[in-house]
Amino acid sequence: MGGVSTTNLVGFTYEAIATGRIQQLKLAMDAVIAAELQFMVPIIKSLLVVFVVRQFTLTWTGNMTVERFIGSSVRAAVIVFLIIHSGTFVQYVRDPVFDKIPQAVSSTILSASGVPTSSGNTIAQQFDKVSVASDSVTALIIAKQTGWAVASLVNYASASFANFAVQFLLAGIAGIWLLGQGLLAIILCFGPLLLGFELFDRTRGWVDQWLGKLVGMTCFGIGTSILLSIQMAGEQALLKTVESNLPSSGPQAVAALMRVGCNVLLDLFTMASLPLICAVGSGVAASLAAPSALVALRAASAGSAGVRAMASGGRAAAAGGAGGRAANTASKA
C-alpha cells in the first residue's frame, strides 16, 4: 500500500478538498476580522477612556479596592492588545484554535501509532490513505476474477459495491469534520466584536457566553482530531492486514473487505455522536449533533444500498447459475 498513488478511483483527494475548504474559511475569517477591527478600534479607544476614568474615579473615592483596580486594568490591557494590534487576535486566538492545536494533536497521535505523516493537513491525508487502501484491496480482488463465469462476476460486483460502501461512509465522516470547522470559523469571527464588552461588569456575560461557545467548539475540534487519528490509523492497519493476507477465495476476500466497511460504519456513528460529549462550556457543540446525525444516516443509507445491491446481485447470479445447471440436467435426461 505504501507505493499506491494518493489519488483514489473517484479522482479526488480529501487533502485537496479539506485544504481548499479550510483556506477559504481562513480567507473569509481574515476579511471579516479585518473589517471588524477597522470598525471596532475607534470604539474600543473611546470605551477605554471611559473605562479608565471610571475605574480611577471609583478607586479615588474609595468605592473600589486597589487590587480590583489592578486586576481590571490588566484585563483591559489584554483586550486592547488583542483588538487594537493588527494580527494579534489571529495569531494568538484564531490560528491556534482553528488548526494549529488540532493538527499538532493529530500528528502526535499518528506518530505514536507508527503512521507516517508529512507536511500539510495530516487529518485529511489519513482519509486519502484509507480511501486508496480500500481501492487497492478491491483491485486485488477484481484482478483474481478471470473469465465470464458467474462466480467471477458476482465477486467482481460484490467487491465493487463493498468498496463503494467504504468510500461513501468515509465521505460522511469527512463531511462531519468539515462541518464542525465551518461552525468554529463563524464563532471565531464574533471575537473582535465581543471582546470590548469584557471591560464592563454589566456586559461581561456576553463575552462569557461567547467564550463558552468557543471552548465547546475547540473541544469538538480537538476531540475530532483525536478520534479521527485513532480511527484512520486503525483502518489503515486493518486494510494493510487484509491486503497482506487476502484470501484466495473470492467470497472470503469480499467478506474481508466488508469487515472493513463495518468498521468504517461504526466510525461514522461514533463521529456523529462526538458533538454530544464535547458540549463543554455551552451547548453549541451539542447542536452539531443533529446535522452530524443527518450526514451519518445519509451516508449509512447510501452505503447499505450498495450492500443490498451487492446481495441482490449475488442472489440473482446464484439463481441464474442454478437455473442453468437445472436446464443442463434436464437436457441430458
Protein backbone atom coordinates (compact mmCIF):
# COMPACT_ATOMS: atom_id res chain seq x y z
CA MET A 1 0.00 0.00 0.00
CA GLY A 2 2.91 2.33 0.54
CA GLY A 3 3.53 2.73 -3.20
CA VAL A 4 -0.07 3.46 -4.14
CA SER A 5 -0.90 6.88 -5.57
CA THR A 6 -2.71 9.22 -3.22
CA THR A 7 -5.47 9.77 -5.81
CA ASN A 8 -8.29 7.27 -5.33
CA LEU A 9 -10.52 5.77 -8.01
CA VAL A 10 -13.06 8.57 -7.60
CA GLY A 11 -10.46 11.02 -8.87
CA PHE A 12 -10.10 13.41 -5.94
CA THR A 13 -8.13 13.68 -2.74
CA TYR A 14 -9.52 14.54 0.66
CA GLU A 15 -6.44 16.63 1.32
CA ALA A 16 -7.19 18.83 -1.70
CA ILE A 17 -10.81 19.28 -0.64
CA ALA A 18 -10.02 19.92 3.03
CA THR A 19 -7.10 22.24 2.25
CA GLY A 20 -9.22 24.25 -0.16
CA ARG A 21 -12.14 24.42 2.25
CA ILE A 22 -10.03 25.45 5.23
CA GLN A 23 -8.16 28.00 3.13
CA GLN A 24 -11.48 29.50 2.04
CA LEU A 25 -12.62 29.69 5.66
CA LYS A 26 -9.36 31.37 6.69
CA LEU A 27 -9.61 33.95 3.91
CA ALA A 28 -13.21 34.68 4.88
CA MET A 29 -12.25 34.98 8.56
CA ASP A 30 -9.36 37.29 7.70
CA ALA A 31 -11.68 39.57 5.74
CA VAL A 32 -14.37 39.59 8.43
CA ILE A 33 -11.93 40.11 11.32
CA ALA A 34 -10.13 42.90 9.45
CA ALA A 35 -13.44 44.67 8.83
CA GLU A 36 -14.47 44.22 12.45
CA LEU A 37 -11.18 45.57 13.77
CA GLN A 38 -11.36 48.59 11.48
CA PHE A 39 -14.84 49.27 12.83
CA MET A 40 -14.12 48.43 16.47
CA VAL A 41 -10.76 50.13 17.11
CA PRO A 42 -12.15 53.69 17.41
CA ILE A 43 -14.99 52.40 19.60
CA ILE A 44 -12.60 50.46 21.83
CA LYS A 45 -10.39 53.51 22.25
CA SER A 46 -13.39 55.58 23.34
CA LEU A 47 -14.62 52.84 25.68
CA LEU A 48 -11.13 52.50 27.10
CA VAL A 49 -11.04 56.20 28.00
CA VAL A 50 -14.42 55.89 29.71
CA PHE A 51 -13.25 52.74 31.47
CA VAL A 52 -10.02 54.29 32.79
CA VAL A 53 -11.78 57.43 34.04
CA ARG A 54 -14.48 55.33 35.73
CA GLN A 55 -12.05 52.94 37.39
CA PHE A 56 -9.76 55.73 38.56
CA THR A 57 -12.70 57.69 39.98
CA LEU A 58 -14.08 54.67 41.84
CA THR A 59 -10.66 53.91 43.28
CA TRP A 60 -10.01 57.54 44.25
CA THR A 61 -13.36 57.80 46.06
CA GLY A 62 -12.77 54.54 47.91
CA ASN A 63 -15.53 52.59 46.11
CA MET A 64 -13.04 50.18 44.54
CA THR A 65 -10.07 48.44 46.07
CA VAL A 66 -6.61 48.83 44.62
CA GLU A 67 -6.43 45.09 43.96
CA ARG A 68 -9.60 45.19 41.88
CA PHE A 69 -8.35 48.27 40.05
CA ILE A 70 -5.12 46.47 39.12
CA GLY A 71 -7.00 43.36 38.03
CA SER A 72 -9.41 45.30 35.82
CA SER A 73 -6.52 47.29 34.35
CA VAL A 74 -4.67 44.11 33.40
CA ARG A 75 -7.85 42.73 31.80
CA ALA A 76 -8.28 45.96 29.82
CA ALA A 77 -4.65 45.80 28.66
CA VAL A 78 -5.16 42.24 27.36
CA ILE A 79 -8.30 43.27 25.48
CA VAL A 80 -6.56 46.25 23.93
CA PHE A 81 -3.62 44.03 22.97
CA LEU A 82 -5.92 41.52 21.21
CA ILE A 83 -8.06 44.05 19.39
CA ILE A 84 -6.01 47.14 18.58
CA HIS A 85 -2.76 45.48 17.50
CA SER A 86 -3.11 44.19 13.95
CA GLY A 87 -2.88 40.40 13.61
CA THR A 88 -2.76 39.71 17.36
CA PHE A 89 -6.21 38.11 17.54
CA VAL A 90 -5.41 35.96 14.51
CA GLN A 91 -2.02 34.89 15.86
CA TYR A 92 -2.99 34.15 19.46
CA VAL A 93 -6.62 33.08 19.14
CA ARG A 94 -7.74 32.22 15.60
CA ASP A 95 -4.82 30.16 14.32
CA PRO A 96 -4.18 28.02 17.44
CA VAL A 97 -7.86 27.21 17.97
CA PHE A 98 -8.76 26.68 14.32
CA ASP A 99 -5.98 24.43 13.08
CA LYS A 100 -2.62 24.55 14.88
CA ILE A 101 -3.67 22.72 18.06
CA PRO A 102 -5.86 20.08 16.29
CA GLN A 103 -3.13 19.40 13.72
CA ALA A 104 -0.47 19.08 16.42
CA VAL A 105 -2.66 16.64 18.38
CA SER A 106 -3.31 14.59 15.25
CA SER A 107 0.37 14.45 14.28
CA THR A 108 1.36 13.35 17.79
CA ILE A 109 -1.20 10.52 17.91
CA LEU A 110 -0.38 9.31 14.40
CA SER A 111 3.36 9.35 15.10
CA ALA A 112 2.80 7.37 18.30
CA SER A 113 0.73 4.87 16.28
CA GLY A 114 3.54 4.42 13.78
CA VAL A 115 1.67 6.13 10.94
CA PRO A 116 3.96 8.34 8.83
CA THR A 117 2.88 11.95 8.34
CA SER A 118 4.04 14.74 6.08
CA SER A 119 3.57 18.48 5.78
CA GLY A 120 0.04 19.63 5.04
CA ASN A 121 -3.28 18.66 6.57
CA THR A 122 -2.39 15.46 8.41
CA ILE A 123 -6.02 14.58 9.15
CA ALA A 124 -7.13 14.79 5.52
CA GLN A 125 -4.06 12.79 4.45
CA GLN A 126 -5.26 9.86 6.51
CA PHE A 127 -8.63 9.89 4.74
CA ASP A 128 -6.77 9.65 1.45
CA LYS A 129 -4.65 6.76 2.67
CA VAL A 130 -7.68 4.78 3.84
CA SER A 131 -9.55 5.53 0.61
CA VAL A 132 -6.64 4.45 -1.58
CA ALA A 133 -6.04 1.34 0.53
CA SER A 134 -9.67 0.28 0.07
CA ASP A 135 -9.31 0.81 -3.69
CA SER A 136 -6.11 -1.25 -3.64
CA VAL A 137 -7.74 -4.20 -1.87
CA THR A 138 -10.68 -4.03 -4.27
CA ALA A 139 -8.33 -4.03 -7.26
CA LEU A 140 -6.57 -7.13 -5.93
CA ILE A 141 -9.89 -8.95 -5.53
CA ILE A 142 -11.01 -7.99 -9.04
CA ALA A 143 -7.64 -8.97 -10.53
CA LYS A 144 -8.17 -12.54 -9.30
CA GLN A 145 -11.50 -12.83 -11.12
CA THR A 146 -10.89 -14.19 -14.62
CA GLY A 147 -13.28 -15.13 -17.38
CA TRP A 148 -17.04 -14.67 -17.50
CA ALA A 149 -18.02 -17.31 -15.00
CA VAL A 150 -20.98 -16.46 -12.79
CA ALA A 151 -18.86 -16.71 -9.62
CA SER A 152 -16.28 -14.28 -11.05
CA LEU A 153 -18.95 -11.75 -11.99
CA VAL A 154 -20.55 -12.00 -8.55
CA ASN A 155 -17.19 -11.48 -6.82
CA TYR A 156 -16.40 -8.55 -9.12
CA ALA A 157 -19.72 -6.83 -8.39
CA SER A 158 -19.57 -7.64 -4.68
CA ALA A 159 -16.08 -6.18 -4.27
CA SER A 160 -17.05 -3.05 -6.20
CA PHE A 161 -20.17 -2.45 -4.10
CA ALA A 162 -18.31 -3.13 -0.86
CA ASN A 163 -15.67 -0.56 -1.85
CA PHE A 164 -18.44 1.89 -2.75
CA ALA A 165 -19.89 1.49 0.74
CA VAL A 166 -16.49 2.11 2.36
CA GLN A 167 -15.87 5.22 0.25
CA PHE A 168 -19.31 6.69 0.90
CA LEU A 169 -19.10 6.13 4.66
CA LEU A 170 -15.62 7.66 4.67
CA ALA A 171 -17.00 10.73 2.89
CA GLY A 172 -19.68 11.03 5.59
CA ILE A 173 -17.04 11.13 8.33
CA ALA A 174 -15.08 13.79 6.44
CA GLY A 175 -18.29 15.80 5.97
CA ILE A 176 -18.97 15.94 9.71
CA TRP A 177 -15.39 17.07 10.37
CA LEU A 178 -15.54 19.89 7.80
CA LEU A 179 -18.99 20.94 9.04
CA GLY A 180 -17.54 21.48 12.50
CA GLN A 181 -14.70 23.55 11.02
CA GLY A 182 -17.21 25.87 9.37
CA LEU A 183 -19.14 26.45 12.59
CA LEU A 184 -15.92 27.10 14.52
CA ALA A 185 -14.95 29.73 11.94
CA ILE A 186 -18.24 31.58 12.48
CA ILE A 187 -17.79 31.58 16.26
CA LEU A 188 -14.23 32.91 15.95
CA CYS A 189 -15.46 35.81 13.83
CA PHE A 190 -17.54 37.09 16.76
CA GLY A 191 -14.42 37.57 18.89
CA PRO A 192 -13.32 41.09 17.95
CA LEU A 193 -16.91 42.34 18.21
CA LEU A 194 -17.49 40.96 21.69
CA LEU A 195 -14.13 41.31 23.45
CA GLY A 196 -14.65 45.01 24.07
CA PHE A 197 -17.67 44.26 26.25
CA GLU A 198 -15.36 42.50 28.69
CA LEU A 199 -14.44 45.92 30.06
CA PHE A 200 -17.69 46.46 31.94
CA ASP A 201 -19.41 44.25 34.51
CA ARG A 202 -22.90 44.53 33.00
CA THR A 203 -21.79 43.35 29.55
CA ARG A 204 -19.19 40.81 30.61
CA GLY A 205 -21.73 38.00 30.48
CA TRP A 206 -21.94 38.34 26.70
CA VAL A 207 -18.24 37.63 26.41
CA ASP A 208 -18.58 34.71 28.84
CA GLN A 209 -21.23 33.17 26.59
CA TRP A 210 -19.01 33.60 23.54
CA LEU A 211 -16.09 32.05 25.42
CA GLY A 212 -18.30 29.10 26.37
CA LYS A 213 -19.19 28.51 22.73
CA LEU A 214 -15.55 28.88 21.72
CA VAL A 215 -14.45 26.38 24.36
CA GLY A 216 -17.14 23.92 23.27
CA MET A 217 -16.19 24.06 19.60
CA THR A 218 -12.49 23.96 20.47
CA CYS A 219 -13.11 20.77 22.46
CA PHE A 220 -15.00 19.39 19.47
CA GLY A 221 -12.08 20.25 17.17
CA ILE A 222 -9.53 18.62 19.45
CA GLY A 223 -11.84 15.65 20.07
CA THR A 224 -12.29 15.28 16.31
CA SER A 225 -8.51 15.25 15.81
CA ILE A 226 -8.08 12.58 18.48
CA LEU A 227 -10.95 10.42 17.22
CA LEU A 228 -10.07 10.68 13.54
CA SER A 229 -6.40 9.94 14.21
CA ILE A 230 -7.32 6.79 16.12
CA GLN A 231 -9.92 5.73 13.55
CA MET A 232 -7.79 6.35 10.46
CA ALA A 233 -4.74 4.66 11.97
CA GLY A 234 -6.90 1.65 12.83
CA GLU A 235 -8.47 1.46 9.37
CA GLN A 236 -5.06 1.66 7.70
CA ALA A 237 -3.73 -1.15 9.89
CA LEU A 238 -6.82 -3.28 9.16
CA LEU A 239 -6.62 -2.69 5.39
CA LYS A 240 -2.91 -3.47 5.42
CA THR A 241 -3.64 -6.75 7.19
CA VAL A 242 -6.43 -7.59 4.74
CA GLU A 243 -4.22 -6.83 1.75
CA SER A 244 -1.29 -8.84 3.11
CA ASN A 245 -3.47 -11.85 3.95
CA LEU A 246 -6.11 -11.61 1.23
CA PRO A 247 -7.88 -14.98 0.90
CA SER A 248 -7.63 -16.73 -2.46
CA SER A 249 -11.36 -17.43 -2.35
CA GLY A 250 -13.38 -14.62 -3.90
CA PRO A 251 -16.27 -14.67 -1.39
CA GLN A 252 -13.85 -14.75 1.55
CA ALA A 253 -11.89 -11.83 0.12
CA VAL A 254 -15.10 -9.82 -0.32
CA ALA A 255 -16.10 -10.70 3.24
CA ALA A 256 -12.76 -9.31 4.48
CA LEU A 257 -13.45 -6.06 2.65
CA MET A 258 -16.97 -5.99 4.10
CA ARG A 259 -15.41 -6.23 7.55
CA VAL A 260 -13.57 -3.00 6.80
CA GLY A 261 -16.88 -1.46 5.74
CA CYS A 262 -18.48 -2.44 9.07
CA ASN A 263 -15.60 -0.81 10.94
CA VAL A 264 -15.98 2.41 8.92
CA LEU A 265 -19.73 2.36 9.65
CA LEU A 266 -19.03 2.19 13.38
CA ASP A 267 -16.51 5.03 12.97
CA LEU A 268 -19.19 7.11 11.24
CA PHE A 269 -21.70 6.65 14.06
CA THR A 270 -19.01 7.40 16.65
CA MET A 271 -18.11 10.60 14.80
CA ALA A 272 -21.77 11.61 14.65
CA SER A 273 -22.07 11.10 18.42
CA LEU A 274 -18.95 13.11 19.24
CA PRO A 275 -20.70 16.54 19.48
CA LEU A 276 -22.81 15.26 22.38
CA ILE A 277 -19.78 14.59 24.58
CA CYS A 278 -17.96 17.78 23.56
CA ALA A 279 -20.62 20.16 24.92
CA VAL A 280 -18.15 21.81 27.30
CA GLY A 281 -18.79 25.45 28.24
CA SER A 282 -22.03 25.65 26.22
CA GLY A 283 -24.39 23.52 24.16
CA VAL A 284 -23.16 24.82 20.82
CA ALA A 285 -21.12 21.70 20.12
CA ALA A 286 -24.11 19.52 21.02
CA SER A 287 -26.20 21.45 18.48
CA LEU A 288 -23.91 19.97 15.82
CA ALA A 289 -25.30 16.52 16.70
CA ALA A 290 -28.43 16.97 14.56
CA PRO A 291 -26.70 17.77 11.25
CA SER A 292 -23.99 15.23 12.08
CA ALA A 293 -26.64 12.56 12.58
CA LEU A 294 -28.25 13.55 9.27
CA VAL A 295 -24.94 13.22 7.43
CA ALA A 296 -24.28 9.88 9.14
CA LEU A 297 -27.71 8.48 8.28
CA ARG A 298 -27.45 9.62 4.65
CA ALA A 299 -24.01 8.07 4.27
CA ALA A 300 -25.09 4.87 6.03
CA SER A 301 -28.20 4.64 3.82
CA ALA A 302 -26.15 5.03 0.67
CA GLY A 303 -23.60 2.51 1.88
CA SER A 304 -26.27 -0.01 2.86
CA ALA A 305 -27.95 0.49 -0.53
CA GLY A 306 -24.72 -0.61 -2.14
CA VAL A 307 -24.54 -3.65 0.11
CA ARG A 308 -28.18 -4.55 -0.63
CA ALA A 309 -27.50 -4.24 -4.34
CA MET A 310 -24.45 -6.44 -3.91
CA ALA A 311 -26.50 -9.08 -2.09
CA SER A 312 -29.33 -8.92 -4.65
CA GLY A 313 -26.86 -9.32 -7.47
CA GLY A 314 -25.31 -12.29 -5.73
CA ARG A 315 -28.69 -13.97 -5.22
CA ALA A 316 -29.72 -13.29 -8.82
CA ALA A 317 -26.46 -14.66 -10.15
CA ALA A 318 -26.73 -17.71 -7.94
CA ALA A 319 -30.30 -18.29 -9.08
CA GLY A 320 -29.23 -17.92 -12.70
CA GLY A 321 -26.44 -20.41 -12.17
CA ALA A 322 -28.79 -22.88 -10.50
CA GLY A 323 -31.31 -22.45 -13.33
CA GLY A 324 -28.63 -23.07 -15.91
CA ARG A 325 -27.47 -26.22 -14.15
CA ALA A 326 -31.05 -27.44 -13.91
CA ALA A 327 -31.59 -26.83 -17.63
CA ASN A 328 -28.40 -28.74 -18.49
CA THR A 329 -29.52 -31.65 -16.32
CA ALA A 330 -32.94 -31.72 -17.97
CA SER A 331 -31.47 -31.64 -21.49
CA LYS A 332 -29.16 -34.51 -20.66
CA ALA A 333 -32.12 -36.54 -19.34
